[in-house]
C-alpha atoms as a PDB file:
ATOM      1  CA  MET A   1       0.000   0.000   0.000  1.00  0.00           C
ATOM      2  CA  HIS A   2       1.344   3.416  -0.881  1.00  0.00           C
ATOM      3  CA  SER A   3       0.059   5.598   1.938  1.00  0.00           C
ATOM      4  CA  GLN A   4       0.905   5.284   5.570  1.00  0.00           C
ATOM      5  CA  LEU A   5      -0.523   7.218   8.464  1.00  0.00           C
ATOM      6  CA  PRO A   6       2.126   9.709   9.610  1.00  0.00           C
ATOM      7  CA  ILE A   7       2.875  10.148  13.296  1.00  0.00           C
ATOM      8  CA  SER A   8       2.220  13.880  13.020  1.00  0.00           C
ATOM      9  CA  SER A   9      -1.182  14.649  11.579  1.00  0.00           C
ATOM     10  CA  ASP A  10      -1.881  17.544   9.258  1.00  0.00           C
ATOM     11  CA  THR A  11      -5.174  18.354  10.985  1.00  0.00           C
ATOM     12  CA  GLY A  12      -3.551  20.990  13.191  1.00  0.00           C
ATOM     13  CA  SER A  13      -3.059  18.787  16.237  1.00  0.00           C
ATOM     14  CA  PRO A  14       0.433  18.768  17.737  1.00  0.00           C
ATOM     15  CA  PRO A  15       2.773  15.973  16.674  1.00  0.00           C
ATOM     16  CA  ILE A  16       2.959  12.879  18.832  1.00  0.00           C
ATOM     17  CA  HIS A  17       5.865  12.743  21.261  1.00  0.00           C
ATOM     18  CA  ASP A  18       7.501   9.501  20.092  1.00  0.00           C
ATOM     19  CA  CYS A  19      10.142   9.270  22.799  1.00  0.00           C
ATOM     20  CA  TRP A  20      10.301   5.488  22.406  1.00  0.00           C
ATOM     21  CA  ASN A  21      12.075   6.005  19.067  1.00  0.00           C
ATOM     22  CA  ARG A  22      14.695   8.372  20.552  1.00  0.00           C
ATOM     23  CA  ILE A  23      15.304   7.538  24.217  1.00  0.00           C
ATOM     24  CA  GLY A  24      13.204   4.398  24.652  1.00  0.00           C
ATOM     25  CA  VAL A  25      13.679   0.793  23.608  1.00  0.00           C
ATOM     26  CA  ARG A  26      13.981   1.738  19.924  1.00  0.00           C
ATOM     27  CA  GLY A  27      16.435   4.522  20.719  1.00  0.00           C
ATOM     28  CA  ASP A  28      19.423   4.829  22.996  1.00  0.00           C
ATOM     29  CA  GLU A  29      17.502   3.536  26.071  1.00  0.00           C
ATOM     30  CA  SER A  30      18.436   6.586  28.145  1.00  0.00           C
ATOM     31  CA  CYS A  31      14.876   7.207  29.390  1.00  0.00           C
ATOM     32  CA  VAL A  32      14.691   7.322  33.196  1.00  0.00           C
ATOM     33  CA  GLU A  33      11.201   5.776  33.064  1.00  0.00           C
ATOM     34  CA  LEU A  34      12.545   2.545  31.513  1.00  0.00           C
ATOM     35  CA  GLU A  35      13.810   1.411  34.884  1.00  0.00           C
ATOM     36  CA  LYS A  36      10.309   1.708  36.310  1.00  0.00           C
ATOM     37  CA  HIS A  37       8.302   0.432  33.297  1.00  0.00           C
ATOM     38  CA  VAL A  38      10.875  -2.050  31.850  1.00  0.00           C
ATOM     39  CA  HIS A  39       9.531  -1.484  28.311  1.00  0.00           C
ATOM     40  CA  CYS A  40       7.980   1.504  26.542  1.00  0.00           C
ATOM     41  CA  ARG A  41       4.734  -0.392  25.954  1.00  0.00           C
ATOM     42  CA  ASN A  42       4.142  -0.271  29.732  1.00  0.00           C
ATOM     43  CA  CYS A  43       4.602   3.518  29.929  1.00  0.00           C
ATOM     44  CA  PRO A  44       1.590   5.879  30.117  1.00  0.00           C
ATOM     45  CA  ILE A  45       3.192   8.217  27.533  1.00  0.00           C
ATOM     46  CA  TYR A  46       3.331   5.366  25.021  1.00  0.00           C
ATOM     47  CA  SER A  47      -0.271   4.377  25.803  1.00  0.00           C
ATOM     48  CA  ALA A  48      -1.493   7.962  25.393  1.00  0.00           C
ATOM     49  CA  ALA A  49       0.280   8.213  22.023  1.00  0.00           C
ATOM     50  CA  ALA A  50      -1.397   4.999  20.893  1.00  0.00           C
ATOM     51  CA  VAL A  51      -4.816   6.346  21.841  1.00  0.00           C
ATOM     52  CA  ARG A  52      -4.165   9.578  19.914  1.00  0.00           C
ATOM     53  CA  LEU A  53      -2.992   7.659  16.847  1.00  0.00           C
ATOM     54  CA  LEU A  54      -5.935   5.287  16.835  1.00  0.00           C
ATOM     55  CA  ASP A  55      -8.592   7.907  17.582  1.00  0.00           C
ATOM     56  CA  ARG A  56      -7.572  10.545  15.013  1.00  0.00           C
ATOM     57  CA  GLU A  57      -9.303  11.268  11.725  1.00  0.00           C
ATOM     58  CA  LEU A  58      -8.144   9.341   8.667  1.00  0.00           C
ATOM     59  CA  PRO A  59      -6.328  11.294   5.930  1.00  0.00           C
ATOM     60  CA  ALA A  60      -8.320  12.154   2.815  1.00  0.00           C
ATOM     61  CA  GLY A  61      -8.538   9.208   0.415  1.00  0.00           C
ATOM     62  CA  TYR A  62      -7.112   6.700   2.893  1.00  0.00           C
ATOM     63  CA  ARG A  63     -10.290   4.655   3.239  1.00  0.00           C
ATOM     64  CA  SER A  64     -11.047   4.684  -0.505  1.00  0.00           C
ATOM     65  CA  GLU A  65      -7.478   3.638  -1.316  1.00  0.00           C
ATOM     66  CA  TRP A  66      -7.736   0.594   0.961  1.00  0.00           C
ATOM     67  CA  THR A  67     -11.245  -0.181  -0.322  1.00  0.00           C
ATOM     68  CA  GLU A  68      -9.914  -0.191  -3.873  1.00  0.00           C
ATOM     69  CA  HIS A  69      -6.988  -2.367  -2.811  1.00  0.00           C
ATOM     70  CA  PHE A  70      -9.197  -5.054  -1.245  1.00  0.00           C
ATOM     71  CA  ALA A  71     -11.858  -4.852  -3.958  1.00  0.00           C
ATOM     72  CA  HIS A  72      -9.502  -6.398  -6.507  1.00  0.00           C
ATOM     73  CA  VAL A  73      -9.969 -10.115  -6.939  1.00  0.00           C
ATOM     74  CA  ALA A  74      -6.760 -11.962  -6.268  1.00  0.00           C
ATOM     75  CA  GLN A  75      -5.573 -14.085  -9.147  1.00  0.00           C
ATOM     76  CA  GLU A  76      -5.179 -17.720  -8.283  1.00  0.00           C
ATOM     77  CA  VAL A  77      -1.853 -19.111  -9.306  1.00  0.00           C
ATOM     78  CA  GLU A  78      -1.831 -22.841  -9.831  1.00  0.00           C
ATOM     79  CA  LEU A  79       1.434 -24.285  -8.676  1.00  0.00           C
ATOM     80  CA  ASP A  80       2.854 -27.649  -9.525  1.00  0.00           C
ATOM     81  CA  THR A  81       2.818 -28.846  -5.929  1.00  0.00           C
ATOM     82  CA  HIS A  82       1.462 -31.814  -4.051  1.00  0.00           C
ATOM     83  CA  SER A  83       0.146 -31.966  -0.489  1.00  0.00           C
ATOM     84  CA  VAL A  84       1.624 -34.674   1.659  1.00  0.00           C
ATOM     85  CA  LEU A  85       1.513 -35.770   5.272  1.00  0.00           C
ATOM     86  CA  VAL A  86       5.026 -36.161   6.628  1.00  0.00           C
ATOM     87  CA  PHE A  87       5.571 -38.576   9.495  1.00  0.00           C
ATOM     88  CA  ARG A  88       8.365 -40.463  11.145  1.00  0.00           C
ATOM     89  CA  ILE A  89       8.768 -44.129  11.992  1.00  0.00           C
ATOM     90  CA  GLY A  90      11.911 -44.660  14.010  1.00  0.00           C
ATOM     91  CA  LEU A  91      14.712 -42.834  12.223  1.00  0.00           C
ATOM     92  CA  GLU A  92      12.963 -42.913   8.862  1.00  0.00           C
ATOM     93  CA  TRP A  93      11.002 -39.890   7.582  1.00  0.00           C
ATOM     94  CA  LEU A  94       8.134 -40.798   5.253  1.00  0.00           C
ATOM     95  CA  ALA A  95       5.400 -38.945   3.388  1.00  0.00           C
ATOM     96  CA  LEU A  96       2.042 -40.012   1.988  1.00  0.00           C
ATOM     97  CA  PRO A  97      -0.115 -38.007  -0.415  1.00  0.00           C
ATOM     98  CA  VAL A  98      -3.171 -36.601   1.374  1.00  0.00           C
ATOM     99  CA  GLY A  99      -5.487 -38.130  -1.231  1.00  0.00           C
ATOM    100  CA  ILE A 100      -4.729 -41.567   0.136  1.00  0.00           C
ATOM    101  CA  PHE A 101      -6.335 -40.601   3.456  1.00  0.00           C
ATOM    102  CA  LEU A 102      -9.584 -39.747   1.676  1.00  0.00           C
ATOM    103  CA  ALA A 103      -9.530 -43.121  -0.033  1.00  0.00           C
ATOM    104  CA  VAL A 104      -8.883 -44.932   3.249  1.00  0.00           C
ATOM    105  CA  SER A 105     -11.586 -42.983   5.100  1.00  0.00           C
ATOM    106  CA  LEU A 106     -14.150 -43.719   2.371  1.00  0.00           C
ATOM    107  CA  LEU A 107     -13.218 -47.388   2.484  1.00  0.00           C
ATOM    108  CA  PHE A 108     -13.532 -47.368   6.287  1.00  0.00           C
ATOM    109  CA  LEU A 109     -16.972 -45.729   6.082  1.00  0.00           C
ATOM    110  CA  SER A 110     -18.199 -48.237   3.512  1.00  0.00           C
ATOM    111  CA  ILE A 111     -17.113 -51.177   5.668  1.00  0.00           C
ATOM    112  CA  TYR A 112     -18.112 -49.831   9.074  1.00  0.00           C
ATOM    113  CA  LYS A 113     -21.119 -47.694   8.147  1.00  0.00           C
ATOM    114  CA  TRP A 114     -23.208 -49.543  10.735  1.00  0.00           C
ATOM    115  CA  ALA A 115     -21.027 -47.974  13.445  1.00  0.00           C
ATOM    116  CA  PHE A 116     -22.232 -44.501  12.478  1.00  0.00           C
ATOM    117  CA  GLU A 117     -25.947 -45.285  12.294  1.00  0.00           C
ATOM    118  CA  PRO A 118     -28.174 -44.192  15.178  1.00  0.00           C
ATOM    119  CA  VAL A 119     -28.982 -46.881  17.718  1.00  0.00           C
ATOM    120  CA  HIS A 120     -32.701 -45.999  18.042  1.00  0.00           C
END
């Protein structure tokens, strides 16, 4: 996606004090509050910044750009792959194609169908 929400909004509100990037865990770790909070995510300044970021107005065209992005139908690419179930017996690693399990389960159901019928 081309657009990202900036930390400072252009709606006239003051920029967000992102101390975690400068003196916090993503910076030089010189913040005196780190000793008390251990990590920036536990600090009330970090929490307040998150609330401001999540509660602000979206930039113009942001919602329509994402709507257009998700409205496109993804093209299915058919790969030349096979699904297998990998298992181990002793030191030997083996694999069986998953289709064989469908065949075995259908065979089991045809033989033991009485076991799945209601009793009453």
